[in-house]
Amino acid sequence: MSMLSVANLATLASRRDEILIKFFAGITEPSSCLYHLLPAPKEQSVTSRMRSYEKFPRVFTLTKRYCSFLQYALNHFQVKKSNS
């Protein structure tokens, strides 16, 4: 780990997370061919009254063993938007 910092390189885990975040951001665009796999976005009439919100609802499962990438991304990579 110290050699990575000396060489000014990112760890494999951090690079992997950056790629996953970029991929998820691409999926959340309505023009994406995978957009239909996401749950329906929250209604604007509801989110307009909140201080901050996430565009898509979180998806919960009873087990972590069969968690898909979309479920993981919805729960970890969504950026909260603010209505300020």
PDB file of N, CA and C in Angstrom:
ATOM      1  N   MET A   1       0.826  -1.191   0.000  1.00  0.00           N
ATOM      2  CA  MET A   1       0.000   0.000   0.000  1.00  0.00           C
ATOM      3  C   MET A   1       0.865   1.248   0.000  1.00  0.00           C
ATOM      4  N   SER A   2       1.979   1.243   0.723  1.00  0.00           N
ATOM      5  CA  SER A   2       2.826   2.428   0.769  1.00  0.00           C
ATOM      6  C   SER A   2       3.487   2.689  -0.578  1.00  0.00           C
ATOM      7  N   MET A   3       3.761   1.633  -1.335  1.00  0.00           N
ATOM      8  CA  MET A   3       4.351   1.815  -2.660  1.00  0.00           C
ATOM      9  C   MET A   3       3.364   2.491  -3.611  1.00  0.00           C
ATOM     10  N   LEU A   4       2.075   2.225  -3.433  1.00  0.00           N
ATOM     11  CA  LEU A   4       1.073   2.892  -4.254  1.00  0.00           C
ATOM     12  C   LEU A   4       1.044   4.390  -3.980  1.00  0.00           C
ATOM     13  N   SER A   5       1.147   4.750  -2.722  1.00  0.00           N
ATOM     14  CA  SER A   5       1.138   6.177  -2.393  1.00  0.00           C
ATOM     15  C   SER A   5       2.419   6.864  -2.844  1.00  0.00           C
ATOM     16  N   VAL A   6       3.555   6.165  -2.772  1.00  0.00           N
ATOM     17  CA  VAL A   6       4.821   6.730  -3.252  1.00  0.00           C
ATOM     18  C   VAL A   6       4.758   6.955  -4.761  1.00  0.00           C
ATOM     19  N   ALA A   7       4.174   6.014  -5.473  1.00  0.00           N
ATOM     20  CA  ALA A   7       4.058   6.119  -6.927  1.00  0.00           C
ATOM     21  C   ALA A   7       2.854   6.961  -7.353  1.00  0.00           C
ATOM     22  N   ASN A   8       2.089   7.446  -6.387  1.00  0.00           N
ATOM     23  CA  ASN A   8       0.901   8.272  -6.636  1.00  0.00           C
ATOM     24  C   ASN A   8      -0.122   7.538  -7.501  1.00  0.00           C
ATOM     25  N   LEU A   9      -0.369   6.262  -7.160  1.00  0.00           N
ATOM     26  CA  LEU A   9      -1.341   5.431  -7.861  1.00  0.00           C
ATOM     27  C   LEU A   9      -2.523   5.122  -6.964  1.00  0.00           C
ATOM     28  N   ALA A  10      -3.682   4.960  -7.564  1.00  0.00           N
ATOM     29  CA  ALA A  10      -4.877   4.588  -6.817  1.00  0.00           C
ATOM     30  C   ALA A  10      -4.928   3.077  -6.646  1.00  0.00           C
ATOM     31  N   THR A  11      -5.594   2.635  -5.587  1.00  0.00           N
ATOM     32  CA  THR A  11      -5.722   1.201  -5.356  1.00  0.00           C
ATOM     33  C   THR A  11      -6.711   0.600  -6.356  1.00  0.00           C
ATOM     34  N   LEU A  12      -6.650  -0.695  -6.509  1.00  0.00           N
ATOM     35  CA  LEU A  12      -7.556  -1.389  -7.418  1.00  0.00           C
ATOM     36  C   LEU A  12      -9.005  -1.187  -6.980  1.00  0.00           C
ATOM     37  N   ALA A  13      -9.250  -1.236  -5.690  1.00  0.00           N
ATOM     38  CA  ALA A  13     -10.621  -1.065  -5.186  1.00  0.00           C
ATOM     39  C   ALA A  13     -11.159   0.328  -5.507  1.00  0.00           C
ATOM     40  N   SER A  14     -10.346   1.363  -5.344  1.00  0.00           N
ATOM     41  CA  SER A  14     -10.824   2.715  -5.631  1.00  0.00           C
ATOM     42  C   SER A  14     -11.047   2.920  -7.130  1.00  0.00           C
ATOM     43  N   ARG A  15     -10.180   2.341  -7.962  1.00  0.00           N
ATOM     44  CA  ARG A  15     -10.387   2.433  -9.409  1.00  0.00           C
ATOM     45  C   ARG A  15     -11.651   1.692  -9.827  1.00  0.00           C
ATOM     46  N   ARG A  16     -11.889   0.544  -9.220  1.00  0.00           N
ATOM     47  CA  ARG A  16     -13.095  -0.232  -9.527  1.00  0.00           C
ATOM     48  C   ARG A  16     -14.353   0.549  -9.126  1.00  0.00           C
ATOM     49  N   ASP A  17     -14.321   1.182  -7.964  1.00  0.00           N
ATOM     50  CA  ASP A  17     -15.468   1.981  -7.522  1.00  0.00           C
ATOM     51  C   ASP A  17     -15.728   3.148  -8.469  1.00  0.00           C
ATOM     52  N   GLU A  18     -14.681   3.813  -8.938  1.00  0.00           N
ATOM     53  CA  GLU A  18     -14.850   4.922  -9.874  1.00  0.00           C
ATOM     54  C   GLU A  18     -15.505   4.449 -11.171  1.00  0.00           C
ATOM     55  N   ILE A  19     -15.092   3.296 -11.677  1.00  0.00           N
ATOM     56  CA  ILE A  19     -15.682   2.756 -12.900  1.00  0.00           C
ATOM     57  C   ILE A  19     -17.146   2.398 -12.685  1.00  0.00           C
ATOM     58  N   LEU A  20     -17.467   1.797 -11.541  1.00  0.00           N
ATOM     59  CA  LEU A  20     -18.858   1.431 -11.248  1.00  0.00           C
ATOM     60  C   LEU A  20     -19.741   2.665 -11.120  1.00  0.00           C
ATOM     61  N   ILE A  21     -19.226   3.717 -10.497  1.00  0.00           N
ATOM     62  CA  ILE A  21     -19.999   4.948 -10.343  1.00  0.00           C
ATOM     63  C   ILE A  21     -20.269   5.578 -11.701  1.00  0.00           C
ATOM     64  N   LYS A  22     -19.269   5.602 -12.583  1.00  0.00           N
ATOM     65  CA  LYS A  22     -19.463   6.146 -13.931  1.00  0.00           C
ATOM     66  C   LYS A  22     -20.481   5.313 -14.703  1.00  0.00           C
ATOM     67  N   PHE A  23     -20.384   3.987 -14.588  1.00  0.00           N
ATOM     68  CA  PHE A  23     -21.318   3.106 -15.284  1.00  0.00           C
ATOM     69  C   PHE A  23     -22.742   3.322 -14.782  1.00  0.00           C
ATOM     70  N   PHE A  24     -22.911   3.424 -13.458  1.00  0.00           N
ATOM     71  CA  PHE A  24     -24.248   3.642 -12.901  1.00  0.00           C
ATOM     72  C   PHE A  24     -24.793   4.999 -13.320  1.00  0.00           C
ATOM     73  N   ALA A  25     -23.938   6.025 -13.361  1.00  0.00           N
ATOM     74  CA  ALA A  25     -24.390   7.346 -13.804  1.00  0.00           C
ATOM     75  C   ALA A  25     -24.873   7.285 -15.249  1.00  0.00           C
ATOM     76  N   GLY A  26     -24.222   6.486 -16.074  1.00  0.00           N
ATOM     77  CA  GLY A  26     -24.666   6.319 -17.457  1.00  0.00           C
ATOM     78  C   GLY A  26     -25.996   5.607 -17.558  1.00  0.00           C
ATOM     79  N   ILE A  27     -26.224   4.636 -16.693  1.00  0.00           N
ATOM     80  CA  ILE A  27     -27.489   3.893 -16.705  1.00  0.00           C
ATOM     81  C   ILE A  27     -28.657   4.793 -16.305  1.00  0.00           C
ATOM     82  N   THR A  28     -28.433   5.747 -15.425  1.00  0.00           N
ATOM     83  CA  THR A  28     -29.520   6.587 -14.928  1.00  0.00           C
ATOM     84  C   THR A  28     -29.980   7.632 -15.937  1.00  0.00           C
ATOM     85  N   GLU A  29     -29.294   7.744 -17.064  1.00  0.00           N
ATOM     86  CA  GLU A  29     -29.752   8.642 -18.131  1.00  0.00           C
ATOM     87  C   GLU A  29     -30.896   7.964 -18.885  1.00  0.00           C
ATOM     88  N   PRO A  30     -31.991   8.672 -19.133  1.00  0.00           N
ATOM     89  CA  PRO A  30     -33.127   8.050 -19.837  1.00  0.00           C
ATOM     90  C   PRO A  30     -32.786   7.522 -21.229  1.00  0.00           C
ATOM     91  N   SER A  31     -31.732   8.015 -21.852  1.00  0.00           N
ATOM     92  CA  SER A  31     -31.366   7.550 -23.185  1.00  0.00           C
ATOM     93  C   SER A  31     -30.591   6.229 -23.162  1.00  0.00           C
ATOM     94  N   SER A  32     -30.227   5.738 -21.976  1.00  0.00           N
ATOM     95  CA  SER A  32     -29.468   4.496 -21.852  1.00  0.00           C
ATOM     96  C   SER A  32     -30.354   3.293 -22.193  1.00  0.00           C
ATOM     97  N   CYS A  33     -29.755   2.290 -22.817  1.00  0.00           N
ATOM     98  CA  CYS A  33     -30.531   1.091 -23.152  1.00  0.00           C
ATOM     99  C   CYS A  33     -30.825   0.241 -21.910  1.00  0.00           C
ATOM    100  N   LEU A  34     -30.153   0.494 -20.793  1.00  0.00           N
ATOM    101  CA  LEU A  34     -30.405  -0.253 -19.559  1.00  0.00           C
ATOM    102  C   LEU A  34     -31.309   0.506 -18.578  1.00  0.00           C
ATOM    103  N   TYR A  35     -31.766   1.677 -18.959  1.00  0.00           N
ATOM    104  CA  TYR A  35     -32.590   2.515 -18.073  1.00  0.00           C
ATOM    105  C   TYR A  35     -33.872   1.795 -17.660  1.00  0.00           C
ATOM    106  N   HIS A  36     -34.423   0.974 -18.529  1.00  0.00           N
ATOM    107  CA  HIS A  36     -35.684   0.282 -18.227  1.00  0.00           C
ATOM    108  C   HIS A  36     -35.526  -0.746 -17.091  1.00  0.00           C
ATOM    109  N   LEU A  37     -34.305  -1.116 -16.745  1.00  0.00           N
ATOM    110  CA  LEU A  37     -34.088  -2.075 -15.659  1.00  0.00           C
ATOM    111  C   LEU A  37     -34.204  -1.431 -14.282  1.00  0.00           C
ATOM    112  N   LEU A  38     -34.113  -0.104 -14.221  1.00  0.00           N
ATOM    113  CA  LEU A  38     -34.205   0.608 -12.947  1.00  0.00           C
ATOM    114  C   LEU A  38     -35.657   0.723 -12.510  1.00  0.00           C
ATOM    115  N   PRO A  39     -35.898   0.842 -11.200  1.00  0.00           N
ATOM    116  CA  PRO A  39     -37.272   1.073 -10.761  1.00  0.00           C
ATOM    117  C   PRO A  39     -37.736   2.454 -11.211  1.00  0.00           C
ATOM    118  N   ALA A  40     -39.025   2.664 -11.202  1.00  0.00           N
ATOM    119  CA  ALA A  40     -39.572   3.956 -11.633  1.00  0.00           C
ATOM    120  C   ALA A  40     -39.050   5.068 -10.719  1.00  0.00           C
ATOM    121  N   PRO A  41     -38.665   6.215 -11.298  1.00  0.00           N
ATOM    122  CA  PRO A  41     -38.185   7.320 -10.459  1.00  0.00           C
ATOM    123  C   PRO A  41     -39.287   7.830  -9.542  1.00  0.00           C
ATOM    124  N   LYS A  42     -38.876   8.449  -8.456  1.00  0.00           N
ATOM    125  CA  LYS A  42     -39.856   9.021  -7.527  1.00  0.00           C
ATOM    126  C   LYS A  42     -40.593  10.166  -8.197  1.00  0.00           C
ATOM    127  N   GLU A  43     -41.824  10.376  -7.798  1.00  0.00           N
ATOM    128  CA  GLU A  43     -42.659  11.403  -8.415  1.00  0.00           C
ATOM    129  C   GLU A  43     -42.174  12.795  -8.055  1.00  0.00           C
ATOM    130  N   GLN A  44     -42.222  13.699  -9.026  1.00  0.00           N
ATOM    131  CA  GLN A  44     -41.761  15.071  -8.827  1.00  0.00           C
ATOM    132  C   GLN A  44     -42.619  15.800  -7.796  1.00  0.00           C
ATOM    133  N   SER A  45     -43.907  15.484  -7.725  1.00  0.00           N
ATOM    134  CA  SER A  45     -44.784  16.160  -6.766  1.00  0.00           C
ATOM    135  C   SER A  45     -44.397  15.835  -5.325  1.00  0.00           C
ATOM    136  N   VAL A  46     -43.854  14.649  -5.110  1.00  0.00           N
ATOM    137  CA  VAL A  46     -43.421  14.253  -3.771  1.00  0.00           C
ATOM    138  C   VAL A  46     -42.035  14.816  -3.460  1.00  0.00           C
ATOM    139  N   THR A  47     -41.116  14.698  -4.399  1.00  0.00           N
ATOM    140  CA  THR A  47     -39.735  15.116  -4.154  1.00  0.00           C
ATOM    141  C   THR A  47     -39.591  16.630  -4.094  1.00  0.00           C
ATOM    142  N   SER A  48     -40.509  17.374  -4.685  1.00  0.00           N
ATOM    143  CA  SER A  48     -40.399  18.829  -4.656  1.00  0.00           C
ATOM    144  C   SER A  48     -40.614  19.390  -3.249  1.00  0.00           C
ATOM    145  N   ARG A  49     -41.241  18.617  -2.359  1.00  0.00           N
ATOM    146  CA  ARG A  49     -41.478  19.072  -0.993  1.00  0.00           C
ATOM    147  C   ARG A  49     -40.392  18.627  -0.018  1.00  0.00           C
ATOM    148  N   MET A  50     -39.414  17.867  -0.484  1.00  0.00           N
ATOM    149  CA  MET A  50     -38.344  17.368   0.379  1.00  0.00           C
ATOM    150  C   MET A  50     -37.112  18.260   0.295  1.00  0.00           C
ATOM    151  N   ARG A  51     -36.341  18.300   1.368  1.00  0.00           N
ATOM    152  CA  ARG A  51     -35.088  19.062   1.350  1.00  0.00           C
ATOM    153  C   ARG A  51     -34.065  18.401   0.441  1.00  0.00           C
ATOM    154  N   SER A  52     -33.916  17.102   0.587  1.00  0.00           N
ATOM    155  CA  SER A  52     -33.022  16.346  -0.288  1.00  0.00           C
ATOM    156  C   SER A  52     -33.675  14.997  -0.572  1.00  0.00           C
ATOM    157  N   TYR A  53     -33.337  14.446  -1.699  1.00  0.00           N
ATOM    158  CA  TYR A  53     -33.961  13.187  -2.107  1.00  0.00           C
ATOM    159  C   TYR A  53     -33.046  12.450  -3.056  1.00  0.00           C
ATOM    160  N   GLU A  54     -33.344  11.189  -3.261  1.00  0.00           N
ATOM    161  CA  GLU A  54     -32.677  10.371  -4.260  1.00  0.00           C
ATOM    162  C   GLU A  54     -33.666  10.151  -5.387  1.00  0.00           C
ATOM    163  N   LYS A  55     -33.181  10.150  -6.619  1.00  0.00           N
ATOM    164  CA  LYS A  55     -34.061  10.066  -7.782  1.00  0.00           C
ATOM    165  C   LYS A  55     -34.826   8.743  -7.832  1.00  0.00           C
ATOM    166  N   PHE A  56     -34.148   7.655  -7.480  1.00  0.00           N
ATOM    167  CA  PHE A  56     -34.775   6.334  -7.522  1.00  0.00           C
ATOM    168  C   PHE A  56     -34.923   5.790  -6.106  1.00  0.00           C
ATOM    169  N   PRO A  57     -35.974   5.008  -5.847  1.00  0.00           N
ATOM    170  CA  PRO A  57     -36.123   4.421  -4.513  1.00  0.00           C
ATOM    171  C   PRO A  57     -35.054   3.361  -4.256  1.00  0.00           C
ATOM    172  N   ARG A  58     -34.693   3.194  -3.007  1.00  0.00           N
ATOM    173  CA  ARG A  58     -33.735   2.153  -2.638  1.00  0.00           C
ATOM    174  C   ARG A  58     -34.426   0.798  -2.712  1.00  0.00           C
ATOM    175  N   VAL A  59     -33.661  -0.223  -3.053  1.00  0.00           N
ATOM    176  CA  VAL A  59     -34.192  -1.575  -3.183  1.00  0.00           C
ATOM    177  C   VAL A  59     -33.546  -2.433  -2.108  1.00  0.00           C
ATOM    178  N   PHE A  60     -34.359  -3.069  -1.298  1.00  0.00           N
ATOM    179  CA  PHE A  60     -33.844  -3.897  -0.215  1.00  0.00           C
ATOM    180  C   PHE A  60     -34.188  -5.363  -0.466  1.00  0.00           C
ATOM    181  N   THR A  61     -33.274  -6.229  -0.093  1.00  0.00           N
ATOM    182  CA  THR A  61     -33.499  -7.664  -0.181  1.00  0.00           C
ATOM    183  C   THR A  61     -33.272  -8.268   1.202  1.00  0.00           C
ATOM    184  N   LEU A  62     -33.763  -9.452   1.385  1.00  0.00           N
ATOM    185  CA  LEU A  62     -33.605 -10.117   2.674  1.00  0.00           C
ATOM    186  C   LEU A  62     -32.247 -10.800   2.815  1.00  0.00           C
ATOM    187  N   THR A  63     -31.537 -10.939   1.723  1.00  0.00           N
ATOM    188  CA  THR A  63     -30.241 -11.597   1.757  1.00  0.00           C
ATOM    189  C   THR A  63     -29.224 -10.783   0.965  1.00  0.00           C
ATOM    190  N   LYS A  64     -27.976 -10.827   1.367  1.00  0.00           N
ATOM    191  CA  LYS A  64     -26.924 -10.136   0.627  1.00  0.00           C
ATOM    192  C   LYS A  64     -26.319 -11.033  -0.440  1.00  0.00           C
ATOM    193  N   ARG A  65     -26.626 -12.302  -0.394  1.00  0.00           N
ATOM    194  CA  ARG A  65     -26.024 -13.266  -1.303  1.00  0.00           C
ATOM    195  C   ARG A  65     -26.458 -13.061  -2.747  1.00  0.00           C
ATOM    196  N   TYR A  66     -27.699 -12.726  -2.966  1.00  0.00           N
ATOM    197  CA  TYR A  66     -28.231 -12.595  -4.316  1.00  0.00           C
ATOM    198  C   TYR A  66     -28.534 -11.144  -4.666  1.00  0.00           C
ATOM    199  N   CYS A  67     -27.663 -10.260  -4.283  1.00  0.00           N
ATOM    200  CA  CYS A  67     -27.827  -8.838  -4.570  1.00  0.00           C
ATOM    201  C   CYS A  67     -27.247  -8.536  -5.954  1.00  0.00           C
ATOM    202  N   SER A  68     -28.027  -7.935  -6.822  1.00  0.00           N
ATOM    203  CA  SER A  68     -27.537  -7.606  -8.158  1.00  0.00           C
ATOM    204  C   SER A  68     -26.772  -6.290  -8.129  1.00  0.00           C
ATOM    205  N   PHE A  69     -26.092  -5.984  -9.225  1.00  0.00           N
ATOM    206  CA  PHE A  69     -25.354  -4.728  -9.316  1.00  0.00           C
ATOM    207  C   PHE A  69     -26.298  -3.539  -9.193  1.00  0.00           C
ATOM    208  N   LEU A  70     -27.479  -3.634  -9.826  1.00  0.00           N
ATOM    209  CA  LEU A  70     -28.410  -2.509  -9.773  1.00  0.00           C
ATOM    210  C   LEU A  70     -28.891  -2.252  -8.350  1.00  0.00           C
ATOM    211  N   GLN A  71     -29.174  -3.296  -7.596  1.00  0.00           N
ATOM    212  CA  GLN A  71     -29.579  -3.114  -6.207  1.00  0.00           C
ATOM    213  C   GLN A  71     -28.456  -2.477  -5.403  1.00  0.00           C
ATOM    214  N   TYR A  72     -27.248  -2.948  -5.584  1.00  0.00           N
ATOM    215  CA  TYR A  72     -26.097  -2.393  -4.872  1.00  0.00           C
ATOM    216  C   TYR A  72     -25.881  -0.931  -5.257  1.00  0.00           C
ATOM    217  N   ALA A  73     -25.966  -0.636  -6.543  1.00  0.00           N
ATOM    218  CA  ALA A  73     -25.734   0.731  -7.014  1.00  0.00           C
ATOM    219  C   ALA A  73     -26.817   1.683  -6.521  1.00  0.00           C
ATOM    220  N   LEU A  74     -28.067   1.253  -6.531  1.00  0.00           N
ATOM    221  CA  LEU A  74     -29.143   2.114  -6.038  1.00  0.00           C
ATOM    222  C   LEU A  74     -28.964   2.434  -4.564  1.00  0.00           C
ATOM    223  N   ASN A  75     -28.424   1.505  -3.810  1.00  0.00           N
ATOM    224  CA  ASN A  75     -28.253   1.718  -2.376  1.00  0.00           C
ATOM    225  C   ASN A  75     -26.955   2.431  -2.011  1.00  0.00           C
ATOM    226  N   HIS A  76     -25.946   2.443  -2.904  1.00  0.00           N
ATOM    227  CA  HIS A  76     -24.651   3.003  -2.540  1.00  0.00           C
ATOM    228  C   HIS A  76     -24.168   4.157  -3.417  1.00  0.00           C
ATOM    229  N   PHE A  77     -24.590   4.246  -4.662  1.00  0.00           N
ATOM    230  CA  PHE A  77     -24.014   5.224  -5.582  1.00  0.00           C
ATOM    231  C   PHE A  77     -24.919   6.401  -5.911  1.00  0.00           C
ATOM    232  N   GLN A  78     -26.146   6.426  -5.436  1.00  0.00           N
ATOM    233  CA  GLN A  78     -27.020   7.547  -5.743  1.00  0.00           C
ATOM    234  C   GLN A  78     -26.557   8.785  -5.008  1.00  0.00           C
ATOM    235  N   VAL A  79     -26.583   9.889  -5.720  1.00  0.00           N
ATOM    236  CA  VAL A  79     -26.225  11.170  -5.117  1.00  0.00           C
ATOM    237  C   VAL A  79     -27.513  11.847  -4.690  1.00  0.00           C
ATOM    238  N   LYS A  80     -27.551  12.296  -3.440  1.00  0.00           N
ATOM    239  CA  LYS A  80     -28.736  12.993  -2.968  1.00  0.00           C
ATOM    240  C   LYS A  80     -28.806  14.360  -3.621  1.00  0.00           C
ATOM    241  N   LYS A  81     -29.986  14.685  -4.116  1.00  0.00           N
ATOM    242  CA  LYS A  81     -30.205  15.991  -4.737  1.00  0.00           C
ATOM    243  C   LYS A  81     -30.920  16.877  -3.726  1.00  0.00           C
ATOM    244  N   SER A  82     -30.666  18.163  -3.797  1.00  0.00           N
ATOM    245  CA  SER A  82     -31.327  19.069  -2.859  1.00  0.00           C
ATOM    246  C   SER A  82     -32.268  19.994  -3.620  1.00  0.00           C
ATOM    247  N   ASN A  83     -33.335  20.381  -2.956  1.00  0.00           N
ATOM    248  CA  ASN A  83     -34.333  21.278  -3.535  1.00  0.00           C
ATOM    249  C   ASN A  83     -34.120  22.696  -3.016  1.00  0.00           C
ATOM    250  N   SER A  84     -32.908  23.175  -3.000  1.00  0.00           N
ATOM    251  CA  SER A  84     -32.646  24.528  -2.502  1.00  0.00           C
ATOM    252  C   SER A  84     -32.563  25.504  -3.645  1.00  0.00           C
TER     253      SER A  84
END
